[in-house]
Amino acid sequence: QVQLVESGGGLVQTGGSLRLSCAASGRTSASGRTFSIYVMGWFRQAPGKEREFVATISRIGSSRIADLLQDRFTISRDNAKNTVYLQMNSLKSDDTAVYYCAAADSFGPATRVFTTAVAYDYWGQGTQVTVSS
């Protein structure tokens, strides 16, 4: 199993920035696969709303951000540290949500990314981000 632990959430004022981190540990029991083989993603869920895609990054660093967030959010990864990051700038009250990190076991092309939650095999517990005006 892969364990994912998010951090970096908190309370921030409108227009502020936060950087979320997601540290991965453990490995699949069968093959000993390491962090670098996983497609990583960030999702968020606001109260009363469905979980929505935020960002994803491939094994080799190519990424995709949700259309409405492209000008404010970026995703990156450091395979040496088994960590994926979500940089969020110019935060708005609509960004208030629990942010979840996810990992997908991928055997396909190294540039593959996933934008749907069902594609992911492992999830963190989430970290709360609250943007106040």
C-alpha atoms as a PDB file:
ATOM      1  CA  GLN A   1       0.000   0.000   0.000  1.00  0.00           C
ATOM      2  CA  VAL A   2       0.988   3.586  -0.584  1.00  0.00           C
ATOM      3  CA  GLN A   3       0.278   6.102   2.157  1.00  0.00           C
ATOM      4  CA  LEU A   4      -0.265   9.728   1.225  1.00  0.00           C
ATOM      5  CA  VAL A   5      -0.137  12.540   3.761  1.00  0.00           C
ATOM      6  CA  GLU A   6      -1.105  16.074   2.821  1.00  0.00           C
ATOM      7  CA  SER A   7       0.100  19.175   4.600  1.00  0.00           C
ATOM      8  CA  GLY A   8       0.206  22.922   4.115  1.00  0.00           C
ATOM      9  CA  GLY A   9      -3.454  23.730   4.364  1.00  0.00           C
ATOM     10  CA  GLY A  10      -4.838  26.400   6.629  1.00  0.00           C
ATOM     11  CA  LEU A  11      -6.552  29.749   6.791  1.00  0.00           C
ATOM     12  CA  VAL A  12      -5.508  32.429   4.307  1.00  0.00           C
ATOM     13  CA  GLN A  13      -6.944  35.741   3.223  1.00  0.00           C
ATOM     14  CA  THR A  14      -8.311  36.393  -0.230  1.00  0.00           C
ATOM     15  CA  GLY A  15      -5.464  37.010  -2.618  1.00  0.00           C
ATOM     16  CA  GLY A  16      -2.982  35.036  -0.566  1.00  0.00           C
ATOM     17  CA  SER A  17      -1.007  31.938  -1.450  1.00  0.00           C
ATOM     18  CA  LEU A  18      -0.527  28.464  -0.070  1.00  0.00           C
ATOM     19  CA  ARG A  19       1.620  25.536  -1.062  1.00  0.00           C
ATOM     20  CA  LEU A  20       0.258  22.110  -0.318  1.00  0.00           C
ATOM     21  CA  SER A  21       2.534  19.127  -0.022  1.00  0.00           C
ATOM     22  CA  CYS A  22       1.773  15.458  -0.294  1.00  0.00           C
ATOM     23  CA  ALA A  23       4.328  12.999   0.973  1.00  0.00           C
ATOM     24  CA  ALA A  24       4.143   9.405  -0.163  1.00  0.00           C
ATOM     25  CA  SER A  25       5.446   6.454   1.765  1.00  0.00           C
ATOM     26  CA  GLY A  26       5.244   2.721   1.529  1.00  0.00           C
ATOM     27  CA  ARG A  27       5.122   0.689  -1.627  1.00  0.00           C
ATOM     28  CA  THR A  28       2.898  -1.875  -3.219  1.00  0.00           C
ATOM     29  CA  SER A  29       3.284  -5.185  -1.547  1.00  0.00           C
ATOM     30  CA  ALA A  30       3.894  -7.182  -4.690  1.00  0.00           C
ATOM     31  CA  SER A  31       6.386  -5.299  -6.755  1.00  0.00           C
ATOM     32  CA  GLY A  32       8.026  -2.726  -4.500  1.00  0.00           C
ATOM     33  CA  ARG A  33       7.163   0.045  -6.906  1.00  0.00           C
ATOM     34  CA  THR A  34       8.449   3.452  -5.938  1.00  0.00           C
ATOM     35  CA  PHE A  35       6.944   6.914  -5.974  1.00  0.00           C
ATOM     36  CA  SER A  36       8.309   7.867  -9.360  1.00  0.00           C
ATOM     37  CA  ILE A  37       6.020   5.445 -11.182  1.00  0.00           C
ATOM     38  CA  TYR A  38       2.805   6.979  -9.941  1.00  0.00           C
ATOM     39  CA  VAL A  39       0.713   9.570 -11.660  1.00  0.00           C
ATOM     40  CA  MET A  40      -0.181  12.078  -8.961  1.00  0.00           C
ATOM     41  CA  GLY A  41      -3.204  14.287  -8.662  1.00  0.00           C
ATOM     42  CA  TRP A  42      -4.936  16.849  -6.521  1.00  0.00           C
ATOM     43  CA  PHE A  43      -8.675  17.054  -6.048  1.00  0.00           C
ATOM     44  CA  ARG A  44     -10.836  19.189  -3.818  1.00  0.00           C
ATOM     45  CA  GLN A  45     -14.254  18.997  -2.249  1.00  0.00           C
ATOM     46  CA  ALA A  46     -16.176  21.950  -0.914  1.00  0.00           C
ATOM     47  CA  PRO A  47     -19.089  21.531   1.514  1.00  0.00           C
ATOM     48  CA  GLY A  48     -22.180  20.298  -0.281  1.00  0.00           C
ATOM     49  CA  LYS A  49     -20.338  19.797  -3.554  1.00  0.00           C
ATOM     50  CA  GLU A  50     -18.842  16.865  -5.392  1.00  0.00           C
ATOM     51  CA  ARG A  51     -15.126  16.189  -5.440  1.00  0.00           C
ATOM     52  CA  GLU A  52     -13.553  17.967  -8.371  1.00  0.00           C
ATOM     53  CA  PHE A  53     -10.310  17.690 -10.285  1.00  0.00           C
ATOM     54  CA  VAL A  54      -7.651  20.313  -9.594  1.00  0.00           C
ATOM     55  CA  ALA A  55      -4.355  19.161 -11.091  1.00  0.00           C
ATOM     56  CA  THR A  56      -2.382  16.130 -12.180  1.00  0.00           C
ATOM     57  CA  ILE A  57       1.231  15.411 -13.000  1.00  0.00           C
ATOM     58  CA  SER A  58       2.758  12.549 -14.929  1.00  0.00           C
ATOM     59  CA  ARG A  59       5.696  10.370 -13.958  1.00  0.00           C
ATOM     60  CA  ILE A  60       8.035  12.640 -15.887  1.00  0.00           C
ATOM     61  CA  GLY A  61       6.532  15.958 -14.851  1.00  0.00           C
ATOM     62  CA  SER A  62       4.061  16.888 -17.564  1.00  0.00           C
ATOM     63  CA  SER A  63       0.979  18.331 -15.992  1.00  0.00           C
ATOM     64  CA  ARG A  64      -2.584  19.406 -16.480  1.00  0.00           C
ATOM     65  CA  ILE A  65      -4.505  21.930 -14.406  1.00  0.00           C
ATOM     66  CA  ALA A  66      -8.283  22.389 -14.311  1.00  0.00           C
ATOM     67  CA  ASP A  67      -9.238  24.999 -16.898  1.00  0.00           C
ATOM     68  CA  LEU A  68     -10.521  27.577 -14.440  1.00  0.00           C
ATOM     69  CA  LEU A  69      -7.443  27.263 -12.229  1.00  0.00           C
ATOM     70  CA  GLN A  70      -4.669  27.355 -14.817  1.00  0.00           C
ATOM     71  CA  ASP A  71      -3.694  30.949 -14.202  1.00  0.00           C
ATOM     72  CA  ARG A  72      -3.388  30.510 -10.420  1.00  0.00           C
ATOM     73  CA  PHE A  73      -2.411  26.912  -9.574  1.00  0.00           C
ATOM     74  CA  THR A  74       0.638  24.866 -10.458  1.00  0.00           C
ATOM     75  CA  ILE A  75       1.607  21.297  -9.663  1.00  0.00           C
ATOM     76  CA  SER A  76       5.095  19.894  -9.328  1.00  0.00           C
ATOM     77  CA  ARG A  77       6.810  16.818  -7.973  1.00  0.00           C
ATOM     78  CA  ASP A  78      10.120  15.875  -6.454  1.00  0.00           C
ATOM     79  CA  ASN A  79      10.631  12.173  -6.952  1.00  0.00           C
ATOM     80  CA  ALA A  80      13.731  12.172  -4.782  1.00  0.00           C
ATOM     81  CA  LYS A  81      11.584  13.346  -1.869  1.00  0.00           C
ATOM     82  CA  ASN A  82       8.512  11.299  -2.779  1.00  0.00           C
ATOM     83  CA  THR A  83       6.514  14.477  -2.683  1.00  0.00           C
ATOM     84  CA  VAL A  84       4.065  16.314  -4.910  1.00  0.00           C
ATOM     85  CA  TYR A  85       3.204  19.960  -4.467  1.00  0.00           C
ATOM     86  CA  LEU A  86       0.305  22.229  -5.305  1.00  0.00           C
ATOM     87  CA  GLN A  87       1.112  25.922  -5.440  1.00  0.00           C
ATOM     88  CA  MET A  88      -2.014  28.054  -5.123  1.00  0.00           C
ATOM     89  CA  ASN A  89      -1.854  31.791  -5.735  1.00  0.00           C
ATOM     90  CA  SER A  90      -4.410  34.602  -5.731  1.00  0.00           C
ATOM     91  CA  LEU A  91      -6.725  32.498  -3.630  1.00  0.00           C
ATOM     92  CA  LYS A  92     -10.442  33.197  -3.650  1.00  0.00           C
ATOM     93  CA  SER A  93     -13.241  32.238  -1.292  1.00  0.00           C
ATOM     94  CA  ASP A  94     -14.404  29.702  -3.897  1.00  0.00           C
ATOM     95  CA  ASP A  95     -11.138  27.824  -3.348  1.00  0.00           C
ATOM     96  CA  THR A  96     -12.234  26.918   0.166  1.00  0.00           C
ATOM     97  CA  ALA A  97     -12.366  23.124   0.305  1.00  0.00           C
ATOM     98  CA  VAL A  98     -10.694  20.007   1.559  1.00  0.00           C
ATOM     99  CA  TYR A  99      -7.824  19.218  -0.792  1.00  0.00           C
ATOM    100  CA  TYR A 100      -6.942  15.603  -1.459  1.00  0.00           C
ATOM    101  CA  CYS A 101      -3.802  14.098  -2.886  1.00  0.00           C
ATOM    102  CA  ALA A 102      -4.082  10.941  -4.960  1.00  0.00           C
ATOM    103  CA  ALA A 103      -1.771   8.445  -6.641  1.00  0.00           C
ATOM    104  CA  ALA A 104      -2.456   6.275  -9.646  1.00  0.00           C
ATOM    105  CA  ASP A 105      -0.451   3.233 -10.583  1.00  0.00           C
ATOM    106  CA  SER A 106       0.369   3.748 -14.243  1.00  0.00           C
ATOM    107  CA  PHE A 107       1.843   1.289 -16.732  1.00  0.00           C
ATOM    108  CA  GLY A 108       1.198   3.422 -19.768  1.00  0.00           C
ATOM    109  CA  PRO A 109       3.158   6.217 -21.427  1.00  0.00           C
ATOM    110  CA  ALA A 110       5.320   8.284 -19.113  1.00  0.00           C
ATOM    111  CA  THR A 111       3.391  11.411 -20.080  1.00  0.00           C
ATOM    112  CA  ARG A 112       0.042   9.978 -19.043  1.00  0.00           C
ATOM    113  CA  VAL A 113      -2.073  11.967 -16.609  1.00  0.00           C
ATOM    114  CA  PHE A 114      -5.498  11.337 -15.118  1.00  0.00           C
ATOM    115  CA  THR A 115      -8.195  13.915 -14.497  1.00  0.00           C
ATOM    116  CA  THR A 116     -10.897  11.650 -13.078  1.00  0.00           C
ATOM    117  CA  ALA A 117     -11.023  10.431  -9.510  1.00  0.00           C
ATOM    118  CA  VAL A 118     -11.848   6.859 -10.472  1.00  0.00           C
ATOM    119  CA  ALA A 119      -8.432   6.508 -12.098  1.00  0.00           C
ATOM    120  CA  TYR A 120      -6.614   6.875  -8.788  1.00  0.00           C
ATOM    121  CA  ASP A 121      -5.716   3.977  -6.531  1.00  0.00           C
ATOM    122  CA  TYR A 122      -4.609   5.731  -3.362  1.00  0.00           C
ATOM    123  CA  TRP A 123      -5.874   8.777  -1.506  1.00  0.00           C
ATOM    124  CA  GLY A 124      -4.728  10.926   1.351  1.00  0.00           C
ATOM    125  CA  GLN A 125      -6.928  12.068   4.211  1.00  0.00           C
ATOM    126  CA  GLY A 126      -7.148  15.618   2.936  1.00  0.00           C
ATOM    127  CA  THR A 127      -6.092  19.019   4.188  1.00  0.00           C
ATOM    128  CA  GLN A 128      -8.467  21.905   4.788  1.00  0.00           C
ATOM    129  CA  VAL A 129      -7.952  25.165   2.922  1.00  0.00           C
ATOM    130  CA  THR A 130     -10.068  28.097   4.038  1.00  0.00           C
ATOM    131  CA  VAL A 131      -9.940  31.415   2.224  1.00  0.00           C
ATOM    132  CA  SER A 132     -11.454  34.316   4.103  1.00  0.00           C
ATOM    133  CA  SER A 133     -12.407  37.698   2.710  1.00  0.00           C
END
